[in-house]
């Protein structure tokens, strides 16, 4: 996702190719993407390499698994997330429907 700025004064035709756009566009930051998805500013977005204890979960002799979360991976995670406020509204509607049908 990239932020573009129109630099021409022509009437907007809803066709991006018919307009002149600023050449110095920039990509959204990871924090901006998270904010657009509904994550609060206080939500910590950690990147790096993490060791996860999986021995109990998979009953394996392998005690830890090293997971690397790069910027690209974080962007995918954020993009695939469900906006928390939307999820809350959906679940409230489901609860109300169950109460109404009970």
PDB file of N, CA and C in Angstrom:
ATOM      1  N   UNK A   1       0.851  -1.160   0.000  1.00  0.00           N
ATOM      2  CA  UNK A   1       0.000   0.000   0.000  1.00  0.00           C
ATOM      3  C   UNK A   1       0.904   1.233   0.000  1.00  0.00           C
ATOM      4  N   UNK A   2       0.647   2.157  -0.901  1.00  0.00           N
ATOM      5  CA  UNK A   2       1.480   3.340  -1.036  1.00  0.00           C
ATOM      6  C   UNK A   2       0.622   4.594  -1.002  1.00  0.00           C
ATOM      7  N   UNK A   3       1.159   5.631  -0.401  1.00  0.00           N
ATOM      8  CA  UNK A   3       0.460   6.905  -0.357  1.00  0.00           C
ATOM      9  C   UNK A   3       0.890   7.718  -1.576  1.00  0.00           C
ATOM     10  N   UNK A   4      -0.086   8.172  -2.349  1.00  0.00           N
ATOM     11  CA  UNK A   4       0.184   9.002  -3.520  1.00  0.00           C
ATOM     12  C   UNK A   4      -0.456  10.370  -3.333  1.00  0.00           C
ATOM     13  N   UNK A   5       0.123  11.366  -3.984  1.00  0.00           N
ATOM     14  CA  UNK A   5      -0.429  12.712  -3.935  1.00  0.00           C
ATOM     15  C   UNK A   5      -0.587  13.211  -5.365  1.00  0.00           C
ATOM     16  N   UNK A   6      -1.798  13.637  -5.691  1.00  0.00           N
ATOM     17  CA  UNK A   6      -2.044  14.168  -7.033  1.00  0.00           C
ATOM     18  C   UNK A   6      -1.420  15.544  -7.152  1.00  0.00           C
ATOM     19  N   UNK A   7      -0.792  15.814  -8.284  1.00  0.00           N
ATOM     20  CA  UNK A   7      -0.157  17.114  -8.474  1.00  0.00           C
ATOM     21  C   UNK A   7      -0.753  17.900  -9.635  1.00  0.00           C
ATOM     22  N   UNK A   8      -1.729  17.338 -10.346  1.00  0.00           N
ATOM     23  CA  UNK A   8      -2.338  18.095 -11.442  1.00  0.00           C
ATOM     24  C   UNK A   8      -3.633  18.761 -10.965  1.00  0.00           C
ATOM     25  N   UNK A   9      -4.140  19.693 -11.746  1.00  0.00           N
ATOM     26  CA  UNK A   9      -5.357  20.414 -11.390  1.00  0.00           C
ATOM     27  C   UNK A   9      -6.551  19.982 -12.236  1.00  0.00           C
ATOM     28  N   UNK A  10      -6.406  18.914 -13.005  1.00  0.00           N
ATOM     29  CA  UNK A  10      -7.505  18.444 -13.847  1.00  0.00           C
ATOM     30  C   UNK A  10      -8.652  17.931 -12.977  1.00  0.00           C
ATOM     31  N   UNK A  11      -9.858  17.944 -13.546  1.00  0.00           N
ATOM     32  CA  UNK A  11     -10.997  17.373 -12.838  1.00  0.00           C
ATOM     33  C   UNK A  11     -10.730  15.888 -12.611  1.00  0.00           C
ATOM     34  N   UNK A  12     -11.094  15.424 -11.433  1.00  0.00           N
ATOM     35  CA  UNK A  12     -10.833  14.029 -11.090  1.00  0.00           C
ATOM     36  C   UNK A  12     -11.757  13.116 -11.885  1.00  0.00           C
ATOM     37  N   UNK A  13     -11.202  12.127 -12.570  1.00  0.00           N
ATOM     38  CA  UNK A  13     -11.979  11.224 -13.424  1.00  0.00           C
ATOM     39  C   UNK A  13     -12.160   9.850 -12.806  1.00  0.00           C
ATOM     40  N   UNK A  14     -11.676   9.638 -11.593  1.00  0.00           N
ATOM     41  CA  UNK A  14     -11.717   8.336 -10.919  1.00  0.00           C
ATOM     42  C   UNK A  14     -10.874   7.295 -11.630  1.00  0.00           C
ATOM     43  N   UNK A  15     -10.032   7.736 -12.527  1.00  0.00           N
ATOM     44  CA  UNK A  15      -9.103   6.834 -13.195  1.00  0.00           C
ATOM     45  C   UNK A  15      -7.697   7.330 -12.883  1.00  0.00           C
ATOM     46  N   UNK A  16      -6.989   6.661 -11.968  1.00  0.00           N
ATOM     47  CA  UNK A  16      -5.676   7.143 -11.531  1.00  0.00           C
ATOM     48  C   UNK A  16      -4.682   7.356 -12.667  1.00  0.00           C
ATOM     49  N   UNK A  17      -4.806   6.595 -13.752  1.00  0.00           N
ATOM     50  CA  UNK A  17      -3.841   6.714 -14.834  1.00  0.00           C
ATOM     51  C   UNK A  17      -4.023   8.014 -15.617  1.00  0.00           C
ATOM     52  N   UNK A  18      -5.160   8.693 -15.473  1.00  0.00           N
ATOM     53  CA  UNK A  18      -5.402   9.938 -16.196  1.00  0.00           C
ATOM     54  C   UNK A  18      -4.902  11.168 -15.452  1.00  0.00           C
ATOM     55  N   UNK A  19      -4.221  10.966 -14.357  1.00  0.00           N
ATOM     56  CA  UNK A  19      -3.753  12.100 -13.563  1.00  0.00           C
ATOM     57  C   UNK A  19      -2.260  12.000 -13.322  1.00  0.00           C
ATOM     58  N   UNK A  20      -1.692  13.116 -12.956  1.00  0.00           N
ATOM     59  CA  UNK A  20      -0.272  13.171 -12.666  1.00  0.00           C
ATOM     60  C   UNK A  20      -0.093  13.006 -11.162  1.00  0.00           C
ATOM     61  N   UNK A  21       0.774  12.078 -10.768  1.00  0.00           N
ATOM     62  CA  UNK A  21       0.972  11.783  -9.355  1.00  0.00           C
ATOM     63  C   UNK A  21       2.391  12.125  -8.943  1.00  0.00           C
ATOM     64  N   UNK A  22       2.548  12.512  -7.709  1.00  0.00           N
ATOM     65  CA  UNK A  22       3.864  12.857  -7.183  1.00  0.00           C
ATOM     66  C   UNK A  22       4.776  11.639  -7.249  1.00  0.00           C
ATOM     67  N   UNK A  23       5.975  11.845  -7.748  1.00  0.00           N
ATOM     68  CA  UNK A  23       6.900  10.739  -7.958  1.00  0.00           C
ATOM     69  C   UNK A  23       7.560  10.261  -6.667  1.00  0.00           C
ATOM     70  N   UNK A  24       7.506  11.042  -5.626  1.00  0.00           N
ATOM     71  CA  UNK A  24       8.171  10.682  -4.376  1.00  0.00           C
ATOM     72  C   UNK A  24       7.189  10.074  -3.374  1.00  0.00           C
ATOM     73  N   UNK A  25       6.342   9.188  -3.851  1.00  0.00           N
ATOM     74  CA  UNK A  25       5.391   8.521  -2.964  1.00  0.00           C
ATOM     75  C   UNK A  25       6.153   7.611  -2.016  1.00  0.00           C
ATOM     76  N   UNK A  26       5.555   7.333  -0.877  1.00  0.00           N
ATOM     77  CA  UNK A  26       6.204   6.453   0.090  1.00  0.00           C
ATOM     78  C   UNK A  26       5.235   5.359   0.512  1.00  0.00           C
ATOM     79  N   UNK A  27       5.785   4.269   0.967  1.00  0.00           N
ATOM     80  CA  UNK A  27       4.959   3.169   1.477  1.00  0.00           C
ATOM     81  C   UNK A  27       4.510   3.502   2.892  1.00  0.00           C
ATOM     82  N   UNK A  28       3.381   2.946   3.286  1.00  0.00           N
ATOM     83  CA  UNK A  28       2.918   3.119   4.656  1.00  0.00           C
ATOM     84  C   UNK A  28       3.868   2.394   5.603  1.00  0.00           C
ATOM     85  N   UNK A  29       4.093   2.968   6.763  1.00  0.00           N
ATOM     86  CA  UNK A  29       4.936   2.308   7.759  1.00  0.00           C
ATOM     87  C   UNK A  29       4.151   1.157   8.391  1.00  0.00           C
ATOM     88  N   UNK A  30       4.852   0.310   9.088  1.00  0.00           N
ATOM     89  CA  UNK A  30       4.197  -0.806   9.765  1.00  0.00           C
ATOM     90  C   UNK A  30       3.225  -0.277  10.808  1.00  0.00           C
ATOM     91  N   UNK A  31       3.592   0.759  11.542  1.00  0.00           N
ATOM     92  CA  UNK A  31       2.712   1.349  12.549  1.00  0.00           C
ATOM     93  C   UNK A  31       1.453   1.926  11.893  1.00  0.00           C
ATOM     94  N   UNK A  32       1.603   2.603  10.747  1.00  0.00           N
ATOM     95  CA  UNK A  32       0.441   3.157  10.040  1.00  0.00           C
ATOM     96  C   UNK A  32      -0.501   2.040   9.581  1.00  0.00           C
ATOM     97  N   UNK A  33       0.060   0.945   9.100  1.00  0.00           N
ATOM     98  CA  UNK A  33      -0.753  -0.185   8.670  1.00  0.00           C
ATOM     99  C   UNK A  33      -1.516  -0.781   9.851  1.00  0.00           C
ATOM    100  N   UNK A  34      -0.841  -0.906  10.983  1.00  0.00           N
ATOM    101  CA  UNK A  34      -1.494  -1.456  12.177  1.00  0.00           C
ATOM    102  C   UNK A  34      -2.611  -0.537  12.661  1.00  0.00           C
ATOM    103  N   UNK A  35      -2.387   0.763  12.617  1.00  0.00           N
ATOM    104  CA  UNK A  35      -3.407   1.724  13.025  1.00  0.00           C
ATOM    105  C   UNK A  35      -4.626   1.627  12.111  1.00  0.00           C
ATOM    106  N   UNK A  36      -4.406   1.506  10.806  1.00  0.00           N
ATOM    107  CA  UNK A  36      -5.511   1.366   9.871  1.00  0.00           C
ATOM    108  C   UNK A  36      -6.295   0.081  10.111  1.00  0.00           C
ATOM    109  N   UNK A  37      -5.628  -0.950  10.610  1.00  0.00           N
ATOM    110  CA  UNK A  37      -6.308  -2.213  10.904  1.00  0.00           C
ATOM    111  C   UNK A  37      -7.012  -2.189  12.259  1.00  0.00           C
ATOM    112  N   UNK A  38      -6.867  -1.098  13.009  1.00  0.00           N
ATOM    113  CA  UNK A  38      -7.588  -0.977  14.271  1.00  0.00           C
ATOM    114  C   UNK A  38      -6.773  -1.283  15.510  1.00  0.00           C
ATOM    115  N   UNK A  39      -5.486  -1.548  15.355  1.00  0.00           N
ATOM    116  CA  UNK A  39      -4.660  -1.799  16.524  1.00  0.00           C
ATOM    117  C   UNK A  39      -4.389  -0.481  17.248  1.00  0.00           C
ATOM    118  N   UNK A  40      -4.479  -0.471  18.578  1.00  0.00           N
ATOM    119  CA  UNK A  40      -4.186   0.769  19.310  1.00  0.00           C
ATOM    120  C   UNK A  40      -2.697   1.111  19.225  1.00  0.00           C
ATOM    121  N   UNK A  41      -2.379   2.383  19.426  1.00  0.00           N
ATOM    122  CA  UNK A  41      -0.975   2.813  19.373  1.00  0.00           C
ATOM    123  C   UNK A  41      -0.131   2.133  20.444  1.00  0.00           C
ATOM    124  N   UNK A  42      -0.759   1.682  21.509  1.00  0.00           N
ATOM    125  CA  UNK A  42      -0.023   1.029  22.595  1.00  0.00           C
ATOM    126  C   UNK A  42       0.338  -0.424  22.269  1.00  0.00           C
ATOM    127  N   UNK A  43      -0.234  -0.977  21.184  1.00  0.00           N
ATOM    128  CA  UNK A  43       0.041  -2.365  20.819  1.00  0.00           C
ATOM    129  C   UNK A  43       1.479  -2.488  20.346  1.00  0.00           C
ATOM    130  N   UNK A  44       2.218  -3.411  20.958  1.00  0.00           N
ATOM    131  CA  UNK A  44       3.641  -3.573  20.666  1.00  0.00           C
ATOM    132  C   UNK A  44       3.828  -4.455  19.433  1.00  0.00           C
ATOM    133  N   UNK A  45       4.559  -3.954  18.464  1.00  0.00           N
ATOM    134  CA  UNK A  45       4.835  -4.688  17.223  1.00  0.00           C
ATOM    135  C   UNK A  45       6.298  -5.124  17.221  1.00  0.00           C
ATOM    136  N   UNK A  46       6.561  -6.329  17.702  1.00  0.00           N
ATOM    137  CA  UNK A  46       7.929  -6.829  17.805  1.00  0.00           C
ATOM    138  C   UNK A  46       8.354  -7.520  16.525  1.00  0.00           C
ATOM    139  N   UNK A  47       9.569  -7.214  16.096  1.00  0.00           N
ATOM    140  CA  UNK A  47      10.170  -7.900  14.969  1.00  0.00           C
ATOM    141  C   UNK A  47      11.518  -8.422  15.435  1.00  0.00           C
ATOM    142  N   UNK A  48      12.014  -9.429  14.770  1.00  0.00           N
ATOM    143  CA  UNK A  48      13.288 -10.023  15.146  1.00  0.00           C
ATOM    144  C   UNK A  48      13.169 -11.529  15.177  1.00  0.00           C
ATOM    145  N   UNK A  49      14.075 -12.173  15.894  1.00  0.00           N
ATOM    146  CA  UNK A  49      14.065 -13.623  16.014  1.00  0.00           C
ATOM    147  C   UNK A  49      13.614 -14.009  17.415  1.00  0.00           C
ATOM    148  N   UNK A  50      12.656 -14.919  17.483  1.00  0.00           N
ATOM    149  CA  UNK A  50      12.103 -15.340  18.761  1.00  0.00           C
ATOM    150  C   UNK A  50      12.218 -16.851  18.885  1.00  0.00           C
ATOM    151  N   UNK A  51      12.497 -17.314  20.095  1.00  0.00           N
ATOM    152  CA  UNK A  51      12.521 -18.747  20.371  1.00  0.00           C
ATOM    153  C   UNK A  51      11.209 -19.112  21.050  1.00  0.00           C
ATOM    154  N   UNK A  52      10.506 -20.073  20.470  1.00  0.00           N
ATOM    155  CA  UNK A  52       9.205 -20.493  20.978  1.00  0.00           C
ATOM    156  C   UNK A  52       9.324 -21.912  21.502  1.00  0.00           C
ATOM    157  N   UNK A  53       8.860 -22.145  22.732  1.00  0.00           N
ATOM    158  CA  UNK A  53       8.882 -23.478  23.326  1.00  0.00           C
ATOM    159  C   UNK A  53       7.702 -24.277  22.778  1.00  0.00           C
ATOM    160  N   UNK A  54       7.987 -25.278  21.965  1.00  0.00           N
ATOM    161  CA  UNK A  54       6.934 -26.071  21.338  1.00  0.00           C
ATOM    162  C   UNK A  54       6.926 -27.520  21.815  1.00  0.00           C
ATOM    163  N   UNK A  55       7.802 -27.879  22.726  1.00  0.00           N
ATOM    164  CA  UNK A  55       7.924 -29.278  23.144  1.00  0.00           C
ATOM    165  C   UNK A  55       6.620 -29.803  23.723  1.00  0.00           C
ATOM    166  N   UNK A  56       5.964 -29.048  24.584  1.00  0.00           N
ATOM    167  CA  UNK A  56       4.726 -29.509  25.200  1.00  0.00           C
ATOM    168  C   UNK A  56       3.579 -29.521  24.203  1.00  0.00           C
ATOM    169  N   UNK A  57       3.575 -28.579  23.277  1.00  0.00           N
ATOM    170  CA  UNK A  57       2.465 -28.462  22.327  1.00  0.00           C
ATOM    171  C   UNK A  57       2.440 -29.609  21.321  1.00  0.00           C
ATOM    172  N   UNK A  58       3.595 -30.066  20.891  1.00  0.00           N
ATOM    173  CA  UNK A  58       3.633 -31.108  19.854  1.00  0.00           C
ATOM    174  C   UNK A  58       4.223 -32.424  20.364  1.00  0.00           C
ATOM    175  N   UNK A  59       4.495 -32.515  21.647  1.00  0.00           N
ATOM    176  CA  UNK A  59       5.068 -33.726  22.260  1.00  0.00           C
ATOM    177  C   UNK A  59       6.295 -34.184  21.483  1.00  0.00           C
ATOM    178  N   UNK A  60       7.205 -33.270  21.318  1.00  0.00           N
ATOM    179  CA  UNK A  60       8.396 -33.530  20.527  1.00  0.00           C
ATOM    180  C   UNK A  60       9.634 -33.368  21.390  1.00  0.00           C
ATOM    181  N   UNK A  61      10.734 -33.939  20.924  1.00  0.00           N
ATOM    182  CA  UNK A  61      11.996 -33.757  21.626  1.00  0.00           C
ATOM    183  C   UNK A  61      12.587 -32.378  21.334  1.00  0.00           C
ATOM    184  N   UNK A  62      12.135 -31.748  20.266  1.00  0.00           N
ATOM    185  CA  UNK A  62      12.602 -30.403  19.914  1.00  0.00           C
ATOM    186  C   UNK A  62      12.000 -29.423  20.924  1.00  0.00           C
ATOM    187  N   UNK A  63      12.828 -28.850  21.762  1.00  0.00           N
ATOM    188  CA  UNK A  63      12.323 -28.000  22.843  1.00  0.00           C
ATOM    189  C   UNK A  63      11.951 -26.601  22.370  1.00  0.00           C
ATOM    190  N   UNK A  64      12.692 -26.056  21.429  1.00  0.00           N
ATOM    191  CA  UNK A  64      12.417 -24.693  20.980  1.00  0.00           C
ATOM    192  C   UNK A  64      12.435 -24.606  19.459  1.00  0.00           C
ATOM    193  N   UNK A  65      11.716 -23.640  18.961  1.00  0.00           N
ATOM    194  CA  UNK A  65      11.668 -23.366  17.535  1.00  0.00           C
ATOM    195  C   UNK A  65      12.014 -21.906  17.356  1.00  0.00           C
ATOM    196  N   UNK A  66      12.949 -21.603  16.490  1.00  0.00           N
ATOM    197  CA  UNK A  66      13.353 -20.232  16.243  1.00  0.00           C
ATOM    198  C   UNK A  66      12.512 -19.657  15.110  1.00  0.00           C
ATOM    199  N   UNK A  67      11.821 -18.559  15.384  1.00  0.00           N
ATOM    200  CA  UNK A  67      10.962 -17.927  14.391  1.00  0.00           C
ATOM    201  C   UNK A  67      11.480 -16.523  14.124  1.00  0.00           C
ATOM    202  N   UNK A  68      11.686 -16.207  12.845  1.00  0.00           N
ATOM    203  CA  UNK A  68      12.157 -14.876  12.477  1.00  0.00           C
ATOM    204  C   UNK A  68      10.992 -14.079  11.897  1.00  0.00           C
ATOM    205  N   UNK A  69      10.709 -12.925  12.507  1.00  0.00           N
ATOM    206  CA  UNK A  69       9.637 -12.058  12.022  1.00  0.00           C
ATOM    207  C   UNK A  69      10.287 -10.819  11.417  1.00  0.00           C
ATOM    208  N   UNK A  70      10.264 -10.767  10.092  1.00  0.00           N
ATOM    209  CA  UNK A  70      10.837  -9.638   9.360  1.00  0.00           C
ATOM    210  C   UNK A  70       9.756  -8.576   9.159  1.00  0.00           C
ATOM    211  N   UNK A  71      10.150  -7.448   8.591  1.00  0.00           N
ATOM    212  CA  UNK A  71       9.168  -6.404   8.272  1.00  0.00           C
ATOM    213  C   UNK A  71       8.110  -6.933   7.301  1.00  0.00           C
ATOM    214  N   UNK A  72       8.546  -7.701   6.298  1.00  0.00           N
ATOM    215  CA  UNK A  72       7.597  -8.247   5.318  1.00  0.00           C
ATOM    216  C   UNK A  72       6.612  -9.198   5.983  1.00  0.00           C
ATOM    217  N   UNK A  73       7.099 -10.030   6.910  1.00  0.00           N
ATOM    218  CA  UNK A  73       6.224 -10.942   7.634  1.00  0.00           C
ATOM    219  C   UNK A  73       5.249 -10.170   8.499  1.00  0.00           C
ATOM    220  N   UNK A  74       5.727  -9.119   9.161  1.00  0.00           N
ATOM    221  CA  UNK A  74       4.859  -8.303  10.012  1.00  0.00           C
ATOM    222  C   UNK A  74       3.760  -7.638   9.183  1.00  0.00           C
ATOM    223  N   UNK A  75       4.096  -7.176   7.991  1.00  0.00           N
ATOM    224  CA  UNK A  75       3.098  -6.561   7.109  1.00  0.00           C
ATOM    225  C   UNK A  75       2.028  -7.585   6.737  1.00  0.00           C
ATOM    226  N   UNK A  76       2.441  -8.826   6.449  1.00  0.00           N
ATOM    227  CA  UNK A  76       1.473  -9.880   6.133  1.00  0.00           C
ATOM    228  C   UNK A  76       0.588 -10.190   7.332  1.00  0.00           C
ATOM    229  N   UNK A  77       1.195 -10.270   8.517  1.00  0.00           N
ATOM    230  CA  UNK A  77       0.436 -10.570   9.730  1.00  0.00           C
ATOM    231  C   UNK A  77      -0.614  -9.490   9.974  1.00  0.00           C
ATOM    232  N   UNK A  78      -0.200  -8.235   9.853  1.00  0.00           N
ATOM    233  CA  UNK A  78      -1.136  -7.121  10.073  1.00  0.00           C
ATOM    234  C   UNK A  78      -2.234  -7.140   9.014  1.00  0.00           C
ATOM    235  N   UNK A  79      -1.854  -7.357   7.765  1.00  0.00           N
ATOM    236  CA  UNK A  79      -2.834  -7.373   6.688  1.00  0.00           C
ATOM    237  C   UNK A  79      -3.846  -8.500   6.807  1.00  0.00           C
ATOM    238  N   UNK A  80      -3.433  -9.625   7.377  1.00  0.00           N
ATOM    239  CA  UNK A  80      -4.334 -10.765   7.536  1.00  0.00           C
ATOM    240  C   UNK A  80      -5.128 -10.722   8.834  1.00  0.00           C
ATOM    241  N   UNK A  81      -4.884  -9.708   9.644  1.00  0.00           N
ATOM    242  CA  UNK A  81      -5.572  -9.637  10.932  1.00  0.00           C
ATOM    243  C   UNK A  81      -7.018  -9.169  10.764  1.00  0.00           C
ATOM    244  N   UNK A  82      -7.808  -9.459  11.777  1.00  0.00           N
ATOM    245  CA  UNK A  82      -9.183  -8.990  11.820  1.00  0.00           C
ATOM    246  C   UNK A  82      -9.203  -7.775  12.736  1.00  0.00           C
ATOM    247  N   UNK A  83      -9.807  -6.703  12.267  1.00  0.00           N
ATOM    248  CA  UNK A  83      -9.872  -5.478  13.068  1.00  0.00           C
ATOM    249  C   UNK A  83     -10.610  -5.804  14.364  1.00  0.00           C
ATOM    250  N   UNK A  84      -9.981  -5.581  15.531  1.00  0.00           N
ATOM    251  CA  UNK A  84     -10.609  -5.965  16.799  1.00  0.00           C
ATOM    252  C   UNK A  84     -11.994  -5.358  17.023  1.00  0.00           C
ATOM    253  N   UNK A  85     -12.194  -4.110  16.646  1.00  0.00           N
ATOM    254  CA  UNK A  85     -13.512  -3.494  16.862  1.00  0.00           C
ATOM    255  C   UNK A  85     -14.572  -4.134  15.966  1.00  0.00           C
ATOM    256  N   UNK A  86     -14.204  -4.504  14.756  1.00  0.00           N
ATOM    257  CA  UNK A  86     -15.144  -5.166  13.858  1.00  0.00           C
ATOM    258  C   UNK A  86     -15.492  -6.551  14.408  1.00  0.00           C
ATOM    259  N   UNK A  87     -14.500  -7.284  14.881  1.00  0.00           N
ATOM    260  CA  UNK A  87     -14.746  -8.604  15.460  1.00  0.00           C
ATOM    261  C   UNK A  87     -15.685  -8.485  16.660  1.00  0.00           C
ATOM    262  N   UNK A  88     -15.492  -7.462  17.467  1.00  0.00           N
ATOM    263  CA  UNK A  88     -16.363  -7.237  18.625  1.00  0.00           C
ATOM    264  C   UNK A  88     -17.803  -6.973  18.197  1.00  0.00           C
ATOM    265  N   UNK A  89     -17.988  -6.151  17.171  1.00  0.00           N
ATOM    266  CA  UNK A  89     -19.335  -5.861  16.669  1.00  0.00           C
ATOM    267  C   UNK A  89     -20.001  -7.109  16.083  1.00  0.00           C
ATOM    268  N   UNK A  90     -19.239  -7.916  15.374  1.00  0.00           N
ATOM    269  CA  UNK A  90     -19.791  -9.144  14.805  1.00  0.00           C
ATOM    270  C   UNK A  90     -20.238 -10.086  15.917  1.00  0.00           C
ATOM    271  N   UNK A  91     -19.400 -10.265  16.928  1.00  0.00           N
ATOM    272  CA  UNK A  91     -19.762 -11.164  18.023  1.00  0.00           C
ATOM    273  C   UNK A  91     -20.956 -10.632  18.808  1.00  0.00           C
ATOM    274  N   UNK A  92     -21.064  -9.316  18.969  1.00  0.00           N
ATOM    275  CA  UNK A  92     -22.233  -8.735  19.643  1.00  0.00           C
ATOM    276  C   UNK A  92     -23.498  -9.018  18.848  1.00  0.00           C
ATOM    277  N   UNK A  93     -23.423  -8.913  17.534  1.00  0.00           N
ATOM    278  CA  UNK A  93     -24.581  -9.196  16.682  1.00  0.00           C
ATOM    279  C   UNK A  93     -24.968 -10.672  16.763  1.00  0.00           C
ATOM    280  N   UNK A  94     -23.981 -11.547  16.815  1.00  0.00           N
ATOM    281  CA  UNK A  94     -24.257 -12.979  16.940  1.00  0.00           C
ATOM    282  C   UNK A  94     -24.949 -13.259  18.274  1.00  0.00           C
ATOM    283  N   UNK A  95     -24.432 -12.662  19.363  1.00  0.00           N
ATOM    284  CA  UNK A  95     -25.058 -12.838  20.673  1.00  0.00           C
ATOM    285  C   UNK A  95     -26.495 -12.344  20.669  1.00  0.00           C
ATOM    286  N   UNK A  96     -26.728 -11.173  20.097  1.00  0.00           N
ATOM    287  CA  UNK A  96     -28.086 -10.595  20.059  1.00  0.00           C
ATOM    288  C   UNK A  96     -29.023 -11.507  19.259  1.00  0.00           C
ATOM    289  N   UNK A  97     -28.535 -12.059  18.158  1.00  0.00           N
ATOM    290  CA  UNK A  97     -29.356 -12.949  17.334  1.00  0.00           C
ATOM    291  C   UNK A  97     -29.685 -14.235  18.095  1.00  0.00           C
ATOM    292  N   UNK A  98     -28.748 -14.744  18.860  1.00  0.00           N
ATOM    293  CA  UNK A  98     -28.999 -15.961  19.636  1.00  0.00           C
ATOM    294  C   UNK A  98     -30.026 -15.695  20.732  1.00  0.00           C
ATOM    295  N   UNK A  99     -29.936 -14.526  21.361  1.00  0.00           N
ATOM    296  CA  UNK A  99     -30.897 -14.167  22.417  1.00  0.00           C
ATOM    297  C   UNK A  99     -32.276 -13.999  21.803  1.00  0.00           C
ATOM    298  N   UNK A 100     -32.347 -13.362  20.640  1.00  0.00           N
ATOM    299  CA  UNK A 100     -33.634 -13.115  19.984  1.00  0.00           C
ATOM    300  C   UNK A 100     -34.290 -14.424  19.532  1.00  0.00           C
ATOM    301  N   UNK A 101     -33.482 -15.403  19.134  1.00  0.00           N
ATOM    302  CA  UNK A 101     -34.015 -16.679  18.655  1.00  0.00           C
ATOM    303  C   UNK A 101     -34.233 -17.692  19.770  1.00  0.00           C
ATOM    304  N   UNK A 102     -33.831 -17.366  20.983  1.00  0.00           N
ATOM    305  CA  UNK A 102     -33.945 -18.337  22.090  1.00  0.00           C
ATOM    306  C   UNK A 102     -35.352 -18.371  22.673  1.00  0.00           C
TER     307      UNK A 102
END
